[in-house]
Amino acid sequence: MSQNPEPVDPGPVTPSRRDRLRPLELIGFSAVLGVFAGLVVLLVTRELLLAAIFLGVGFIVTIMVVALIGLGGKPSEEDLEARKDLQRPEDGKTWH
């Protein structure tokens, strides 16, 4: 069985702008849903404290749901290949 040669180091990996802004999009989405929940409670009950509580709870629940959905997704082929390159054995001689 032949062993794979050590891959050439491509240099530092720089994520695209879209990849860097993805967490901000998810936090913004959660904030919008939290504000929506807070406004609905505020308009129905007219209690500011209760509306603030629902805003916070809505934000946190949305963050958790989005994170769990993201963890449940299947990684792409590109991501799997990148992970393989990070799994170097301790002896440093053979790969995978």
C-alpha atoms as a PDB file:
ATOM      1  CA  MET A   1       0.000   0.000   0.000  1.00  0.00           C
ATOM      2  CA  SER A   2       1.501   3.310  -0.992  1.00  0.00           C
ATOM      3  CA  GLN A   3       1.434   6.276   1.319  1.00  0.00           C
ATOM      4  CA  ASN A   4       0.286   9.678   0.261  1.00  0.00           C
ATOM      5  CA  PRO A   5       3.101  12.215   0.041  1.00  0.00           C
ATOM      6  CA  GLU A   6       2.962  15.117   2.428  1.00  0.00           C
ATOM      7  CA  PRO A   7       0.789  17.853   0.907  1.00  0.00           C
ATOM      8  CA  VAL A   8       2.299  21.178  -0.021  1.00  0.00           C
ATOM      9  CA  ASP A   9       1.450  23.947   2.431  1.00  0.00           C
ATOM     10  CA  PRO A  10      -0.818  26.342   0.478  1.00  0.00           C
ATOM     11  CA  GLY A  11      -0.190  29.160   2.942  1.00  0.00           C
ATOM     12  CA  PRO A  12      -2.685  30.877   5.211  1.00  0.00           C
ATOM     13  CA  VAL A  13      -6.342  30.323   4.428  1.00  0.00           C
ATOM     14  CA  THR A  14      -8.331  33.523   4.171  1.00  0.00           C
ATOM     15  CA  PRO A  15     -12.109  33.164   4.334  1.00  0.00           C
ATOM     16  CA  SER A  16     -14.264  35.047   1.877  1.00  0.00           C
ATOM     17  CA  ARG A  17     -16.204  38.104   2.924  1.00  0.00           C
ATOM     18  CA  ARG A  18     -19.402  36.085   2.908  1.00  0.00           C
ATOM     19  CA  ASP A  19     -17.875  33.491   5.255  1.00  0.00           C
ATOM     20  CA  ARG A  20     -16.687  36.205   7.632  1.00  0.00           C
ATOM     21  CA  LEU A  21     -20.081  37.941   7.758  1.00  0.00           C
ATOM     22  CA  ARG A  22     -22.143  34.762   8.152  1.00  0.00           C
ATOM     23  CA  PRO A  23     -22.143  34.848  11.996  1.00  0.00           C
ATOM     24  CA  LEU A  24     -23.264  38.485  11.928  1.00  0.00           C
ATOM     25  CA  GLU A  25     -26.168  37.563   9.643  1.00  0.00           C
ATOM     26  CA  LEU A  26     -27.305  34.854  12.039  1.00  0.00           C
ATOM     27  CA  ILE A  27     -27.061  37.172  15.066  1.00  0.00           C
ATOM     28  CA  GLY A  28     -28.964  39.862  13.142  1.00  0.00           C
ATOM     29  CA  PHE A  29     -31.672  37.349  12.243  1.00  0.00           C
ATOM     30  CA  SER A  30     -31.966  36.356  15.900  1.00  0.00           C
ATOM     31  CA  ALA A  31     -32.116  40.003  16.971  1.00  0.00           C
ATOM     32  CA  VAL A  32     -34.921  40.737  14.511  1.00  0.00           C
ATOM     33  CA  LEU A  33     -36.970  37.787  15.774  1.00  0.00           C
ATOM     34  CA  GLY A  34     -36.319  38.826  19.385  1.00  0.00           C
ATOM     35  CA  VAL A  35     -37.451  42.401  18.685  1.00  0.00           C
ATOM     36  CA  PHE A  36     -40.542  41.062  16.930  1.00  0.00           C
ATOM     37  CA  ALA A  37     -41.447  38.939  19.957  1.00  0.00           C
ATOM     38  CA  GLY A  38     -40.834  41.894  22.275  1.00  0.00           C
ATOM     39  CA  LEU A  39     -42.996  44.222  20.174  1.00  0.00           C
ATOM     40  CA  VAL A  40     -45.861  41.734  20.024  1.00  0.00           C
ATOM     41  CA  VAL A  41     -45.837  41.359  23.810  1.00  0.00           C
ATOM     42  CA  LEU A  42     -45.513  45.132  24.277  1.00  0.00           C
ATOM     43  CA  LEU A  43     -48.463  45.859  21.996  1.00  0.00           C
ATOM     44  CA  VAL A  44     -50.650  43.229  23.656  1.00  0.00           C
ATOM     45  CA  THR A  45     -49.831  43.789  27.345  1.00  0.00           C
ATOM     46  CA  ARG A  46     -48.382  47.332  27.418  1.00  0.00           C
ATOM     47  CA  GLU A  47     -45.821  46.135  29.992  1.00  0.00           C
ATOM     48  CA  LEU A  48     -42.292  47.168  29.150  1.00  0.00           C
ATOM     49  CA  LEU A  49     -40.562  44.733  31.530  1.00  0.00           C
ATOM     50  CA  LEU A  50     -42.462  41.739  30.189  1.00  0.00           C
ATOM     51  CA  ALA A  51     -41.713  42.838  26.618  1.00  0.00           C
ATOM     52  CA  ALA A  52     -37.993  43.099  27.448  1.00  0.00           C
ATOM     53  CA  ILE A  53     -38.044  39.604  28.945  1.00  0.00           C
ATOM     54  CA  PHE A  54     -39.683  38.168  25.835  1.00  0.00           C
ATOM     55  CA  LEU A  55     -37.224  40.037  23.628  1.00  0.00           C
ATOM     56  CA  GLY A  56     -34.301  38.445  25.461  1.00  0.00           C
ATOM     57  CA  VAL A  57     -35.847  35.000  25.538  1.00  0.00           C
ATOM     58  CA  GLY A  58     -36.755  35.201  21.848  1.00  0.00           C
ATOM     59  CA  PHE A  59     -33.202  36.251  20.960  1.00  0.00           C
ATOM     60  CA  ILE A  60     -31.586  33.459  22.976  1.00  0.00           C
ATOM     61  CA  VAL A  61     -33.970  30.765  21.731  1.00  0.00           C
ATOM     62  CA  THR A  62     -33.432  31.817  18.129  1.00  0.00           C
ATOM     63  CA  ILE A  63     -29.633  31.783  18.560  1.00  0.00           C
ATOM     64  CA  MET A  64     -29.825  28.276  20.024  1.00  0.00           C
ATOM     65  CA  VAL A  65     -32.106  26.934  17.274  1.00  0.00           C
ATOM     66  CA  VAL A  66     -29.973  28.419  14.490  1.00  0.00           C
ATOM     67  CA  ALA A  67     -26.804  27.005  16.085  1.00  0.00           C
ATOM     68  CA  LEU A  68     -28.305  23.537  16.466  1.00  0.00           C
ATOM     69  CA  ILE A  69     -29.534  23.536  12.877  1.00  0.00           C
ATOM     70  CA  GLY A  70     -26.067  24.595  11.730  1.00  0.00           C
ATOM     71  CA  LEU A  71     -24.428  21.792  13.689  1.00  0.00           C
ATOM     72  CA  GLY A  72     -26.833  19.248  12.284  1.00  0.00           C
ATOM     73  CA  GLY A  73     -25.962  19.965   8.670  1.00  0.00           C
ATOM     74  CA  LYS A  74     -23.720  17.723   6.615  1.00  0.00           C
ATOM     75  CA  PRO A  75     -20.307  19.304   5.928  1.00  0.00           C
ATOM     76  CA  SER A  76     -19.373  19.995   2.320  1.00  0.00           C
ATOM     77  CA  GLU A  77     -16.690  18.049   0.446  1.00  0.00           C
ATOM     78  CA  GLU A  78     -14.412  21.087   0.613  1.00  0.00           C
ATOM     79  CA  ASP A  79     -14.792  21.212   4.398  1.00  0.00           C
ATOM     80  CA  LEU A  80     -14.066  17.498   4.740  1.00  0.00           C
ATOM     81  CA  GLU A  81     -10.875  17.848   2.679  1.00  0.00           C
ATOM     82  CA  ALA A  82      -9.752  20.800   4.808  1.00  0.00           C
ATOM     83  CA  ARG A  83     -10.301  18.767   7.973  1.00  0.00           C
ATOM     84  CA  LYS A  84      -8.202  15.893   6.619  1.00  0.00           C
ATOM     85  CA  ASP A  85      -5.238  18.219   6.189  1.00  0.00           C
ATOM     86  CA  LEU A  86      -5.441  19.158   9.865  1.00  0.00           C
ATOM     87  CA  GLN A  87      -5.181  15.550  11.048  1.00  0.00           C
ATOM     88  CA  ARG A  88      -1.410  15.118  10.982  1.00  0.00           C
ATOM     89  CA  PRO A  89      -0.030  12.174  12.972  1.00  0.00           C
ATOM     90  CA  GLU A  90       2.321  12.887  15.821  1.00  0.00           C
ATOM     91  CA  ASP A  91       5.355  11.281  14.181  1.00  0.00           C
ATOM     92  CA  GLY A  92       5.030  13.733  11.277  1.00  0.00           C
ATOM     93  CA  LYS A  93       6.082  11.135   8.693  1.00  0.00           C
ATOM     94  CA  THR A  94       2.835   9.711   7.356  1.00  0.00           C
ATOM     95  CA  TRP A  95      -0.475  11.314   6.561  1.00  0.00           C
ATOM     96  CA  HIS A  96      -3.848   9.722   7.127  1.00  0.00           C
END
